[in-house]
Amino acid sequence: MSVQNYIYLTIQLLACCAAIYYWRHYRQTPMWIFLPFLIYTFCNEILAMSLSSKYPVRILYNLYILISFGVYMYWFDKLLKFRFWKWIIWILFAAAFIYDALTINLIKNLIKTTVNVQAVLLLIFSLVFFVKLLRSNQVIHYQRLPEFWIVCGLLMFYIGFVPLSLYLGQGYNILHIYYIAIIILNLLLYGGYIIGFYVSGRR
């Protein structure tokens, strides 16, 4: 495994440890879903890295994209109360996946359309969350909200990820920059999780 792989795993392991340590403080909230999700993320990454030298592992990442969207939809639905919008969002996401399934080999290629649609949707969810927060009394003590830190991590990750993903497919020689940027974005994403779990233990 490369150095960047070890960095990914270390970041994810730290987030898993924080999720386990503070579990009792958030297990009765919608945040409960992040503990099994982070454990799955860590195990999926180890499996993909172990098999990548002999087998195609894109299917593992494609499955991860689908599961991660389901997790984030569940959590944001609890926060934002999507109601009937939930079905429109699911239809849009499903349409993106069906398009990918019809145009690429799901075993060998990443579902780029699906992941880009997911990224845009999560950016929108994050912005809606902040707008609602600004209009509520909770904004006075925003730093005490675990949800604030997790959404911050998601927002920063996807603000950086979307342009990177689009540029990477245009033939630009940015692979080295891409790997460095992804490490930084993962630090921000999982840092948001870790702070969120920590704050949940302080409430």
N, C-alpha and C. Protein backbone atom coordinates (compact mmCIF):
# COMPACT_ATOMS: atom_id res chain seq x y z
N MET A 1 0.84 -1.20 0.00
CA MET A 1 0.00 0.00 0.00
C MET A 1 0.87 1.25 0.00
N SER A 2 0.38 2.30 -0.64
CA SER A 2 1.13 3.54 -0.72
C SER A 2 0.94 4.35 0.56
N VAL A 3 1.74 5.42 0.67
CA VAL A 3 1.65 6.30 1.84
C VAL A 3 0.27 6.92 1.93
N GLN A 4 -0.28 7.32 0.78
CA GLN A 4 -1.60 7.96 0.79
C GLN A 4 -2.67 6.98 1.28
N ASN A 5 -2.52 5.69 0.97
CA ASN A 5 -3.46 4.69 1.46
C ASN A 5 -3.43 4.59 2.98
N TYR A 6 -2.23 4.61 3.54
CA TYR A 6 -2.10 4.57 4.99
C TYR A 6 -2.69 5.82 5.64
N ILE A 7 -2.53 6.96 4.96
CA ILE A 7 -3.11 8.20 5.49
C ILE A 7 -4.63 8.11 5.50
N TYR A 8 -5.22 7.63 4.37
CA TYR A 8 -6.68 7.44 4.31
C TYR A 8 -7.17 6.57 5.46
N LEU A 9 -6.50 5.43 5.62
CA LEU A 9 -6.93 4.47 6.65
C LEU A 9 -6.79 5.04 8.05
N THR A 10 -5.72 5.79 8.29
CA THR A 10 -5.51 6.39 9.61
C THR A 10 -6.60 7.40 9.93
N ILE A 11 -6.94 8.24 8.95
CA ILE A 11 -7.99 9.24 9.13
C ILE A 11 -9.32 8.55 9.43
N GLN A 12 -9.64 7.53 8.64
CA GLN A 12 -10.90 6.81 8.83
C GLN A 12 -10.94 6.06 10.15
N LEU A 13 -9.80 5.49 10.55
CA LEU A 13 -9.74 4.77 11.82
C LEU A 13 -9.95 5.71 13.00
N LEU A 14 -9.38 6.90 12.93
CA LEU A 14 -9.57 7.90 13.99
C LEU A 14 -11.04 8.28 14.11
N ALA A 15 -11.71 8.45 12.96
CA ALA A 15 -13.13 8.78 12.98
C ALA A 15 -13.94 7.63 13.59
N CYS A 16 -13.59 6.39 13.24
CA CYS A 16 -14.27 5.22 13.82
C CYS A 16 -14.09 5.17 15.34
N CYS A 17 -12.88 5.43 15.79
CA CYS A 17 -12.59 5.41 17.24
C CYS A 17 -13.40 6.47 17.97
N ALA A 18 -13.48 7.67 17.37
CA ALA A 18 -14.27 8.75 17.98
C ALA A 18 -15.75 8.37 18.02
N ALA A 19 -16.23 7.75 16.93
CA ALA A 19 -17.64 7.34 16.87
C ALA A 19 -17.95 6.31 17.95
N ILE A 20 -17.04 5.38 18.16
CA ILE A 20 -17.24 4.34 19.19
C ILE A 20 -17.16 4.93 20.60
N TYR A 21 -16.17 5.79 20.82
CA TYR A 21 -15.93 6.36 22.15
C TYR A 21 -17.13 7.20 22.62
N TYR A 22 -17.71 7.98 21.71
CA TYR A 22 -18.81 8.88 22.09
C TYR A 22 -20.18 8.29 21.78
N TRP A 23 -20.24 7.01 21.46
CA TRP A 23 -21.47 6.37 21.02
C TRP A 23 -22.64 6.60 21.98
N ARG A 24 -22.40 6.47 23.27
CA ARG A 24 -23.50 6.57 24.23
C ARG A 24 -24.16 7.95 24.24
N HIS A 25 -23.45 8.95 23.74
CA HIS A 25 -23.98 10.31 23.76
C HIS A 25 -24.88 10.63 22.57
N TYR A 26 -24.79 9.85 21.51
CA TYR A 26 -25.60 10.17 20.33
C TYR A 26 -26.39 8.98 19.78
N ARG A 27 -26.36 7.85 20.49
CA ARG A 27 -26.99 6.64 19.94
C ARG A 27 -28.50 6.77 19.81
N GLN A 28 -29.11 7.69 20.57
CA GLN A 28 -30.56 7.90 20.48
C GLN A 28 -30.92 9.02 19.52
N THR A 29 -29.97 9.49 18.75
CA THR A 29 -30.20 10.56 17.77
C THR A 29 -29.99 10.00 16.36
N PRO A 30 -30.37 10.76 15.32
CA PRO A 30 -30.13 10.29 13.94
C PRO A 30 -28.66 10.07 13.62
N MET A 31 -27.77 10.60 14.45
CA MET A 31 -26.33 10.39 14.22
C MET A 31 -25.90 8.95 14.43
N TRP A 32 -26.76 8.12 15.02
CA TRP A 32 -26.40 6.72 15.29
C TRP A 32 -25.92 6.02 14.02
N ILE A 33 -26.47 6.44 12.88
CA ILE A 33 -26.17 5.75 11.63
C ILE A 33 -24.72 5.89 11.20
N PHE A 34 -24.02 6.90 11.75
CA PHE A 34 -22.64 7.13 11.32
C PHE A 34 -21.66 6.10 11.89
N LEU A 35 -21.98 5.49 13.02
CA LEU A 35 -21.06 4.47 13.56
C LEU A 35 -20.96 3.26 12.63
N PRO A 36 -22.07 2.59 12.28
CA PRO A 36 -21.94 1.48 11.33
C PRO A 36 -21.42 1.92 9.97
N PHE A 37 -21.78 3.14 9.56
CA PHE A 37 -21.33 3.63 8.26
C PHE A 37 -19.82 3.83 8.23
N LEU A 38 -19.26 4.41 9.27
CA LEU A 38 -17.81 4.64 9.32
C LEU A 38 -17.04 3.33 9.43
N ILE A 39 -17.58 2.39 10.19
CA ILE A 39 -16.93 1.07 10.27
C ILE A 39 -16.94 0.40 8.90
N TYR A 40 -18.08 0.48 8.22
CA TYR A 40 -18.19 -0.07 6.86
C TYR A 40 -17.20 0.62 5.92
N THR A 41 -17.09 1.95 6.01
CA THR A 41 -16.16 2.71 5.17
C THR A 41 -14.73 2.22 5.37
N PHE A 42 -14.34 2.06 6.62
CA PHE A 42 -12.98 1.60 6.94
C PHE A 42 -12.73 0.19 6.41
N CYS A 43 -13.67 -0.71 6.65
CA CYS A 43 -13.52 -2.10 6.18
C CYS A 43 -13.51 -2.18 4.66
N ASN A 44 -14.35 -1.37 4.02
CA ASN A 44 -14.41 -1.35 2.56
C ASN A 44 -13.09 -0.88 1.96
N GLU A 45 -12.49 0.12 2.61
CA GLU A 45 -11.21 0.65 2.13
C GLU A 45 -10.10 -0.39 2.26
N ILE A 46 -10.08 -1.09 3.38
CA ILE A 46 -9.08 -2.15 3.58
C ILE A 46 -9.25 -3.25 2.54
N LEU A 47 -10.50 -3.66 2.32
CA LEU A 47 -10.78 -4.72 1.34
C LEU A 47 -10.36 -4.29 -0.06
N ALA A 48 -10.70 -3.06 -0.43
CA ALA A 48 -10.35 -2.56 -1.77
C ALA A 48 -8.84 -2.49 -1.96
N MET A 49 -8.14 -2.01 -0.95
CA MET A 49 -6.68 -1.91 -1.04
C MET A 49 -6.02 -3.28 -1.10
N SER A 50 -6.60 -4.24 -0.40
CA SER A 50 -6.03 -5.60 -0.38
C SER A 50 -6.22 -6.32 -1.71
N LEU A 51 -7.34 -6.04 -2.37
CA LEU A 51 -7.66 -6.75 -3.61
C LEU A 51 -7.22 -6.03 -4.87
N SER A 52 -6.87 -4.75 -4.75
CA SER A 52 -6.64 -3.91 -5.93
C SER A 52 -5.52 -4.39 -6.84
N SER A 53 -4.54 -5.10 -6.29
CA SER A 53 -3.40 -5.55 -7.10
C SER A 53 -3.76 -6.75 -7.99
N LYS A 54 -4.84 -7.45 -7.66
CA LYS A 54 -5.20 -8.66 -8.41
C LYS A 54 -6.58 -8.59 -9.06
N TYR A 55 -7.48 -7.80 -8.49
CA TYR A 55 -8.85 -7.79 -8.97
C TYR A 55 -9.34 -6.35 -9.17
N PRO A 56 -10.33 -6.15 -10.06
CA PRO A 56 -10.94 -4.82 -10.18
C PRO A 56 -11.77 -4.53 -8.94
N VAL A 57 -11.58 -3.36 -8.37
CA VAL A 57 -12.28 -3.03 -7.11
C VAL A 57 -13.25 -1.86 -7.27
N ARG A 58 -13.46 -1.42 -8.50
CA ARG A 58 -14.40 -0.31 -8.72
C ARG A 58 -15.78 -0.64 -8.19
N ILE A 59 -16.18 -1.90 -8.31
CA ILE A 59 -17.50 -2.30 -7.85
C ILE A 59 -17.67 -2.04 -6.36
N LEU A 60 -16.60 -2.19 -5.58
CA LEU A 60 -16.66 -1.91 -4.14
C LEU A 60 -16.92 -0.44 -3.89
N TYR A 61 -16.25 0.42 -4.67
CA TYR A 61 -16.45 1.86 -4.51
C TYR A 61 -17.82 2.30 -5.03
N ASN A 62 -18.28 1.65 -6.10
CA ASN A 62 -19.61 1.97 -6.63
C ASN A 62 -20.70 1.61 -5.62
N LEU A 63 -20.53 0.45 -4.98
CA LEU A 63 -21.48 0.05 -3.93
C LEU A 63 -21.41 1.03 -2.76
N TYR A 64 -20.20 1.47 -2.43
CA TYR A 64 -20.02 2.43 -1.34
C TYR A 64 -20.75 3.74 -1.64
N ILE A 65 -20.68 4.20 -2.88
CA ILE A 65 -21.35 5.45 -3.27
C ILE A 65 -22.85 5.33 -3.04
N LEU A 66 -23.43 4.21 -3.43
CA LEU A 66 -24.87 4.00 -3.25
C LEU A 66 -25.25 3.95 -1.77
N ILE A 67 -24.48 3.21 -0.98
CA ILE A 67 -24.77 3.10 0.45
C ILE A 67 -24.58 4.44 1.15
N SER A 68 -23.52 5.16 0.80
CA SER A 68 -23.25 6.44 1.46
C SER A 68 -24.37 7.44 1.18
N PHE A 69 -24.91 7.42 -0.03
CA PHE A 69 -26.01 8.34 -0.32
C PHE A 69 -27.23 7.99 0.51
N GLY A 70 -27.50 6.70 0.67
CA GLY A 70 -28.61 6.28 1.51
C GLY A 70 -28.44 6.75 2.95
N VAL A 71 -27.22 6.66 3.46
CA VAL A 71 -26.92 7.11 4.83
C VAL A 71 -27.15 8.61 4.96
N TYR A 72 -26.60 9.37 4.03
CA TYR A 72 -26.73 10.83 4.10
C TYR A 72 -28.17 11.27 3.88
N MET A 73 -28.90 10.56 3.02
CA MET A 73 -30.31 10.89 2.82
C MET A 73 -31.10 10.68 4.11
N TYR A 74 -30.85 9.56 4.78
CA TYR A 74 -31.52 9.29 6.05
C TYR A 74 -31.26 10.41 7.05
N TRP A 75 -29.98 10.78 7.18
CA TRP A 75 -29.60 11.77 8.19
C TRP A 75 -30.14 13.15 7.86
N PHE A 76 -29.97 13.58 6.61
CA PHE A 76 -30.45 14.91 6.23
C PHE A 76 -31.97 14.98 6.25
N ASP A 77 -32.63 13.87 5.96
CA ASP A 77 -34.09 13.85 6.03
C ASP A 77 -34.56 14.08 7.46
N LYS A 78 -33.83 13.50 8.43
CA LYS A 78 -34.16 13.74 9.83
C LYS A 78 -33.93 15.20 10.22
N LEU A 79 -32.90 15.82 9.64
CA LEU A 79 -32.57 17.21 9.96
C LEU A 79 -33.48 18.20 9.26
N LEU A 80 -33.74 17.96 7.98
CA LEU A 80 -34.40 18.95 7.13
C LEU A 80 -35.86 18.65 6.82
N LYS A 81 -36.31 17.44 7.12
CA LYS A 81 -37.71 17.04 6.85
C LYS A 81 -38.06 17.23 5.38
N PHE A 82 -37.52 16.38 4.54
CA PHE A 82 -37.72 16.51 3.09
C PHE A 82 -39.17 16.32 2.65
N ARG A 83 -39.91 15.48 3.36
CA ARG A 83 -41.28 15.14 3.00
C ARG A 83 -41.35 14.63 1.55
N PHE A 84 -42.21 15.26 0.71
CA PHE A 84 -42.37 14.73 -0.65
C PHE A 84 -41.14 14.95 -1.51
N TRP A 85 -40.28 15.91 -1.14
CA TRP A 85 -39.04 16.15 -1.90
C TRP A 85 -38.13 14.92 -1.87
N LYS A 86 -38.29 14.12 -0.83
CA LYS A 86 -37.45 12.93 -0.69
C LYS A 86 -37.57 12.02 -1.91
N TRP A 87 -38.79 11.87 -2.42
CA TRP A 87 -39.00 10.97 -3.55
C TRP A 87 -38.43 11.56 -4.83
N ILE A 88 -38.51 12.86 -4.99
CA ILE A 88 -37.92 13.52 -6.16
C ILE A 88 -36.40 13.35 -6.14
N ILE A 89 -35.82 13.51 -4.96
CA ILE A 89 -34.36 13.35 -4.81
C ILE A 89 -33.94 11.92 -5.15
N TRP A 90 -34.70 10.96 -4.63
CA TRP A 90 -34.37 9.55 -4.90
C TRP A 90 -34.51 9.23 -6.39
N ILE A 91 -35.52 9.76 -7.03
CA ILE A 91 -35.72 9.53 -8.47
C ILE A 91 -34.56 10.12 -9.27
N LEU A 92 -34.12 11.32 -8.89
CA LEU A 92 -32.99 11.96 -9.57
C LEU A 92 -31.72 11.13 -9.40
N PHE A 93 -31.48 10.68 -8.19
CA PHE A 93 -30.29 9.87 -7.92
C PHE A 93 -30.36 8.54 -8.67
N ALA A 94 -31.53 7.91 -8.65
CA ALA A 94 -31.71 6.64 -9.35
C ALA A 94 -31.52 6.80 -10.85
N ALA A 95 -31.99 7.92 -11.40
CA ALA A 95 -31.82 8.18 -12.84
C ALA A 95 -30.34 8.29 -13.20
N ALA A 96 -29.57 8.95 -12.34
CA ALA A 96 -28.13 9.08 -12.58
C ALA A 96 -27.46 7.71 -12.55
N PHE A 97 -27.87 6.87 -11.61
CA PHE A 97 -27.28 5.53 -11.52
C PHE A 97 -27.67 4.67 -12.72
N ILE A 98 -28.92 4.74 -13.12
CA ILE A 98 -29.38 3.96 -14.29
C ILE A 98 -28.61 4.39 -15.54
N TYR A 99 -28.39 5.71 -15.68
CA TYR A 99 -27.60 6.20 -16.82
C TYR A 99 -26.20 5.59 -16.80
N ASP A 100 -25.56 5.60 -15.64
CA ASP A 100 -24.23 5.00 -15.52
C ASP A 100 -24.26 3.50 -15.83
N ALA A 101 -25.27 2.82 -15.30
CA ALA A 101 -25.38 1.37 -15.49
C ALA A 101 -25.54 1.00 -16.96
N LEU A 102 -26.17 1.89 -17.73
CA LEU A 102 -26.40 1.62 -19.15
C LEU A 102 -25.22 2.03 -20.03
N THR A 103 -24.34 2.87 -19.52
CA THR A 103 -23.28 3.42 -20.37
C THR A 103 -21.87 2.97 -20.01
N ILE A 104 -21.69 2.38 -18.83
CA ILE A 104 -20.35 1.95 -18.43
C ILE A 104 -20.39 0.54 -17.85
N ASN A 105 -19.22 -0.04 -17.69
CA ASN A 105 -19.08 -1.33 -17.02
C ASN A 105 -18.94 -1.07 -15.52
N LEU A 106 -19.94 -1.46 -14.75
CA LEU A 106 -19.95 -1.16 -13.32
C LEU A 106 -18.85 -1.88 -12.55
N ILE A 107 -18.33 -2.96 -13.12
CA ILE A 107 -17.27 -3.70 -12.46
C ILE A 107 -15.93 -2.99 -12.59
N LYS A 108 -15.71 -2.35 -13.75
CA LYS A 108 -14.40 -1.79 -14.04
C LYS A 108 -14.33 -0.26 -13.97
N ASN A 109 -15.49 0.40 -14.01
CA ASN A 109 -15.50 1.86 -14.05
C ASN A 109 -16.28 2.46 -12.89
N LEU A 110 -15.87 3.65 -12.49
CA LEU A 110 -16.56 4.37 -11.42
C LEU A 110 -17.83 5.02 -11.96
N ILE A 111 -18.88 5.01 -11.17
CA ILE A 111 -20.15 5.64 -11.58
C ILE A 111 -20.05 7.15 -11.37
N LYS A 112 -19.37 7.81 -12.32
CA LYS A 112 -19.05 9.23 -12.15
C LYS A 112 -20.27 10.14 -12.17
N THR A 113 -21.22 9.84 -13.05
CA THR A 113 -22.43 10.67 -13.08
C THR A 113 -23.16 10.59 -11.75
N THR A 114 -23.27 9.38 -11.22
CA THR A 114 -23.95 9.18 -9.93
C THR A 114 -23.23 9.91 -8.81
N VAL A 115 -21.91 9.80 -8.76
CA VAL A 115 -21.17 10.42 -7.67
C VAL A 115 -21.21 11.95 -7.78
N ASN A 116 -21.24 12.48 -9.00
CA ASN A 116 -21.33 13.93 -9.16
C ASN A 116 -22.72 14.45 -8.79
N VAL A 117 -23.75 13.69 -9.14
CA VAL A 117 -25.11 14.07 -8.73
C VAL A 117 -25.22 14.01 -7.21
N GLN A 118 -24.65 12.96 -6.60
CA GLN A 118 -24.64 12.87 -5.14
C GLN A 118 -23.95 14.07 -4.53
N ALA A 119 -22.80 14.45 -5.08
CA ALA A 119 -22.04 15.57 -4.54
C ALA A 119 -22.84 16.87 -4.60
N VAL A 120 -23.48 17.11 -5.73
CA VAL A 120 -24.28 18.34 -5.88
C VAL A 120 -25.45 18.34 -4.90
N LEU A 121 -26.12 17.20 -4.77
CA LEU A 121 -27.25 17.10 -3.84
C LEU A 121 -26.82 17.34 -2.40
N LEU A 122 -25.69 16.77 -2.01
CA LEU A 122 -25.20 16.96 -0.63
C LEU A 122 -24.78 18.40 -0.39
N LEU A 123 -24.25 19.05 -1.41
CA LEU A 123 -23.93 20.48 -1.28
C LEU A 123 -25.21 21.28 -1.05
N ILE A 124 -26.25 20.95 -1.80
CA ILE A 124 -27.54 21.65 -1.63
C ILE A 124 -28.10 21.39 -0.24
N PHE A 125 -28.07 20.13 0.20
CA PHE A 125 -28.56 19.80 1.55
C PHE A 125 -27.81 20.61 2.61
N SER A 126 -26.49 20.70 2.46
CA SER A 126 -25.66 21.41 3.43
C SER A 126 -26.02 22.88 3.48
N LEU A 127 -26.21 23.49 2.31
CA LEU A 127 -26.56 24.91 2.25
C LEU A 127 -27.94 25.15 2.86
N VAL A 128 -28.88 24.26 2.60
CA VAL A 128 -30.22 24.38 3.19
C VAL A 128 -30.13 24.27 4.71
N PHE A 129 -29.29 23.37 5.20
CA PHE A 129 -29.10 23.23 6.65
C PHE A 129 -28.61 24.54 7.26
N PHE A 130 -27.62 25.17 6.62
CA PHE A 130 -27.07 26.42 7.17
C PHE A 130 -28.08 27.56 7.11
N VAL A 131 -28.88 27.59 6.07
CA VAL A 131 -29.93 28.62 5.98
C VAL A 131 -30.93 28.44 7.12
N LYS A 132 -31.35 27.20 7.36
CA LYS A 132 -32.28 26.93 8.46
C LYS A 132 -31.64 27.25 9.81
N LEU A 133 -30.37 26.95 9.95
CA LEU A 133 -29.67 27.23 11.21
C LEU A 133 -29.62 28.73 11.47
N LEU A 134 -29.34 29.51 10.43
CA LEU A 134 -29.26 30.97 10.58
C LEU A 134 -30.60 31.57 10.98
N ARG A 135 -31.69 30.90 10.64
CA ARG A 135 -33.02 31.41 10.96
C ARG A 135 -33.54 30.90 12.30
N SER A 136 -32.77 30.06 12.97
CA SER A 136 -33.22 29.49 14.24
C SER A 136 -32.45 30.08 15.42
N ASN A 137 -32.96 29.83 16.62
CA ASN A 137 -32.29 30.30 17.83
C ASN A 137 -31.00 29.53 18.11
N GLN A 138 -30.87 28.36 17.51
CA GLN A 138 -29.68 27.53 17.74
C GLN A 138 -28.41 28.17 17.20
N VAL A 139 -28.56 29.12 16.30
CA VAL A 139 -27.38 29.75 15.69
C VAL A 139 -26.51 30.44 16.75
N ILE A 140 -27.12 30.83 17.87
CA ILE A 140 -26.37 31.52 18.93
C ILE A 140 -25.28 30.62 19.49
N HIS A 141 -25.58 29.33 19.59
CA HIS A 141 -24.60 28.36 20.13
C HIS A 141 -24.31 27.29 19.08
N TYR A 142 -24.08 27.72 17.85
CA TYR A 142 -23.88 26.78 16.74
C TYR A 142 -22.72 25.81 17.01
N GLN A 143 -21.70 26.30 17.74
CA GLN A 143 -20.52 25.46 17.98
C GLN A 143 -20.82 24.27 18.88
N ARG A 144 -21.97 24.26 19.53
CA ARG A 144 -22.36 23.15 20.39
C ARG A 144 -23.18 22.09 19.66
N LEU A 145 -23.43 22.31 18.39
CA LEU A 145 -24.24 21.39 17.60
C LEU A 145 -23.36 20.40 16.85
N PRO A 146 -23.46 19.11 17.14
CA PRO A 146 -22.68 18.11 16.39
C PRO A 146 -22.99 18.16 14.90
N GLU A 147 -24.27 18.41 14.59
CA GLU A 147 -24.69 18.46 13.18
C GLU A 147 -23.95 19.55 12.42
N PHE A 148 -23.70 20.67 13.07
CA PHE A 148 -22.99 21.78 12.43
C PHE A 148 -21.62 21.33 11.94
N TRP A 149 -20.89 20.63 12.77
CA TRP A 149 -19.52 20.23 12.42
C TRP A 149 -19.51 19.15 11.34
N ILE A 150 -20.46 18.23 11.41
CA ILE A 150 -20.52 17.19 10.38
C ILE A 150 -20.88 17.79 9.03
N VAL A 151 -21.85 18.70 9.03
CA VAL A 151 -22.24 19.35 7.77
C VAL A 151 -21.10 20.22 7.24
N CYS A 152 -20.37 20.87 8.14
CA CYS A 152 -19.19 21.65 7.71
C CYS A 152 -18.19 20.76 6.98
N GLY A 153 -17.92 19.58 7.55
CA GLY A 153 -17.00 18.65 6.93
C GLY A 153 -17.48 18.20 5.56
N LEU A 154 -18.77 17.88 5.46
CA LEU A 154 -19.35 17.47 4.18
C LEU A 154 -19.28 18.59 3.16
N LEU A 155 -19.62 19.80 3.59
CA LEU A 155 -19.63 20.95 2.68
C LEU A 155 -18.25 21.22 2.13
N MET A 156 -17.24 21.25 2.99
CA MET A 156 -15.88 21.52 2.54
C MET A 156 -15.37 20.41 1.63
N PHE A 157 -15.71 19.16 1.97
CA PHE A 157 -15.26 18.03 1.14
C PHE A 157 -15.83 18.13 -0.26
N TYR A 158 -17.13 18.34 -0.37
CA TYR A 158 -17.76 18.31 -1.69
C TYR A 158 -17.53 19.59 -2.49
N ILE A 159 -17.30 20.71 -1.82
CA ILE A 159 -16.92 21.93 -2.54
C ILE A 159 -15.60 21.71 -3.27
N GLY A 160 -14.71 20.97 -2.63
CA GLY A 160 -13.43 20.66 -3.27
C GLY A 160 -13.51 19.49 -4.23
N PHE A 161 -14.36 18.51 -3.90
CA PHE A 161 -14.41 17.28 -4.69
C PHE A 161 -15.03 17.47 -6.07
N VAL A 162 -16.10 18.25 -6.15
CA VAL A 162 -16.82 18.40 -7.43
C VAL A 162 -15.92 18.94 -8.54
N PRO A 163 -15.25 20.09 -8.35
CA PRO A 163 -14.36 20.56 -9.43
C PRO A 163 -13.21 19.61 -9.73
N LEU A 164 -12.67 18.97 -8.69
CA LEU A 164 -11.59 18.01 -8.91
C LEU A 164 -12.06 16.85 -9.79
N SER A 165 -13.23 16.34 -9.48
CA SER A 165 -13.78 15.21 -10.23
C SER A 165 -14.03 15.59 -11.68
N LEU A 166 -14.53 16.78 -11.91
CA LEU A 166 -14.81 17.24 -13.27
C LEU A 166 -13.53 17.45 -14.06
N TYR A 167 -12.52 18.05 -13.44
CA TYR A 167 -11.25 18.30 -14.12
C TYR A 167 -10.52 17.00 -14.43
N LEU A 168 -10.63 16.03 -13.53
CA LEU A 168 -9.90 14.77 -13.71
C LEU A 168 -10.35 14.03 -14.96
N GLY A 169 -11.58 14.20 -15.35
CA GLY A 169 -12.09 13.51 -16.52
C GLY A 169 -11.89 14.25 -17.82
N GLN A 170 -11.21 15.40 -17.77
CA GLN A 170 -11.04 16.22 -18.97
C GLN A 170 -9.66 16.10 -19.60
N GLY A 171 -8.86 15.16 -19.13
CA GLY A 171 -7.55 14.94 -19.73
C GLY A 171 -6.44 15.79 -19.16
N TYR A 172 -6.72 16.56 -18.11
CA TYR A 172 -5.67 17.38 -17.49
C TYR A 172 -4.75 16.49 -16.65
N ASN A 173 -3.47 16.83 -16.65
CA ASN A 173 -2.49 16.04 -15.89
C ASN A 173 -2.41 16.56 -14.45
N ILE A 174 -3.42 16.22 -13.67
CA ILE A 174 -3.50 16.73 -12.29
C ILE A 174 -3.56 15.59 -11.28
N LEU A 175 -3.13 14.40 -11.69
CA LEU A 175 -3.29 13.23 -10.81
C LEU A 175 -2.57 13.42 -9.48
N HIS A 176 -1.34 13.96 -9.52
CA HIS A 176 -0.58 14.18 -8.29
C HIS A 176 -1.28 15.20 -7.39
N ILE A 177 -1.74 16.28 -8.00
CA ILE A 177 -2.47 17.31 -7.24
C ILE A 177 -3.77 16.72 -6.69
N TYR A 178 -4.41 15.88 -7.49
CA TYR A 178 -5.67 15.25 -7.08
C TYR A 178 -5.48 14.44 -5.80
N TYR A 179 -4.43 13.62 -5.74
CA TYR A 179 -4.19 12.78 -4.57
C TYR A 179 -3.94 13.62 -3.32
N ILE A 180 -3.15 14.69 -3.47
CA ILE A 180 -2.88 15.58 -2.33
C ILE A 180 -4.17 16.25 -1.86
N ALA A 181 -4.94 16.75 -2.85
CA ALA A 181 -6.20 17.43 -2.52
C ALA A 181 -7.18 16.49 -1.83
N ILE A 182 -7.26 15.25 -2.29
CA ILE A 182 -8.18 14.28 -1.70
C ILE A 182 -7.81 13.99 -0.25
N ILE A 183 -6.51 13.93 0.04
CA ILE A 183 -6.07 13.71 1.42
C ILE A 183 -6.51 14.87 2.30
N ILE A 184 -6.32 16.10 1.81
CA ILE A 184 -6.73 17.29 2.57
C ILE A 184 -8.24 17.30 2.77
N LEU A 185 -8.98 16.99 1.71
CA LEU A 185 -10.44 16.98 1.80
C LEU A 185 -10.94 15.90 2.76
N ASN A 186 -10.26 14.75 2.78
CA ASN A 186 -10.62 13.70 3.73
C ASN A 186 -10.34 14.12 5.16
N LEU A 187 -9.25 14.85 5.36
CA LEU A 187 -8.96 15.39 6.70
C LEU A 187 -10.08 16.31 7.16
N LEU A 188 -10.58 17.14 6.25
CA LEU A 188 -11.67 18.06 6.59
C LEU A 188 -12.97 17.29 6.85
N LEU A 189 -13.26 16.30 6.00
CA LEU A 189 -14.49 15.52 6.15
C LEU A 189 -14.51 14.75 7.46
N TYR A 190 -13.47 13.95 7.69
CA TYR A 190 -13.44 13.12 8.90
C TYR A 190 -13.14 13.94 10.15
N GLY A 191 -12.46 15.08 9.96
CA GLY A 191 -12.28 16.01 11.07
C GLY A 191 -13.62 16.54 11.54
N GLY A 192 -14.53 16.81 10.58
CA GLY A 192 -15.88 17.24 10.92
C GLY A 192 -16.62 16.19 11.72
N TYR A 193 -16.48 14.93 11.32
CA TYR A 193 -17.08 13.83 12.08
C TYR A 193 -16.53 13.78 13.51
N ILE A 194 -15.22 13.83 13.62
CA ILE A 194 -14.58 13.70 14.94
C ILE A 194 -15.01 14.82 15.87
N ILE A 195 -15.00 16.05 15.37
CA ILE A 195 -15.44 17.19 16.20
C ILE A 195 -16.92 17.04 16.55
N GLY A 196 -17.72 16.58 15.58
CA GLY A 196 -19.14 16.37 15.84
C GLY A 196 -19.38 15.37 16.96
N PHE A 197 -18.65 14.25 16.93
CA PHE A 197 -18.80 13.26 17.99
C PHE A 197 -18.34 13.83 19.33
N TYR A 198 -17.24 14.58 19.31
CA TYR A 198 -16.73 15.19 20.54
C TYR A 198 -17.76 16.14 21.14
N VAL A 199 -18.34 16.97 20.29
CA VAL A 199 -19.34 17.94 20.75
C VAL A 199 -20.57 17.22 21.30
N SER A 200 -20.93 16.09 20.70
CA SER A 200 -22.09 15.34 21.20
C SER A 200 -21.87 14.88 22.63
N GLY A 201 -20.62 14.64 22.99
CA GLY A 201 -20.29 14.22 24.35
C GLY A 201 -20.24 15.36 25.34
N ARG A 202 -20.31 16.60 24.83
CA ARG A 202 -20.24 17.78 25.70
C ARG A 202 -21.62 18.37 25.97
N ARG A 203 -22.64 17.85 25.28
CA ARG A 203 -23.97 18.43 25.44
C ARG A 203 -24.62 17.95 26.73
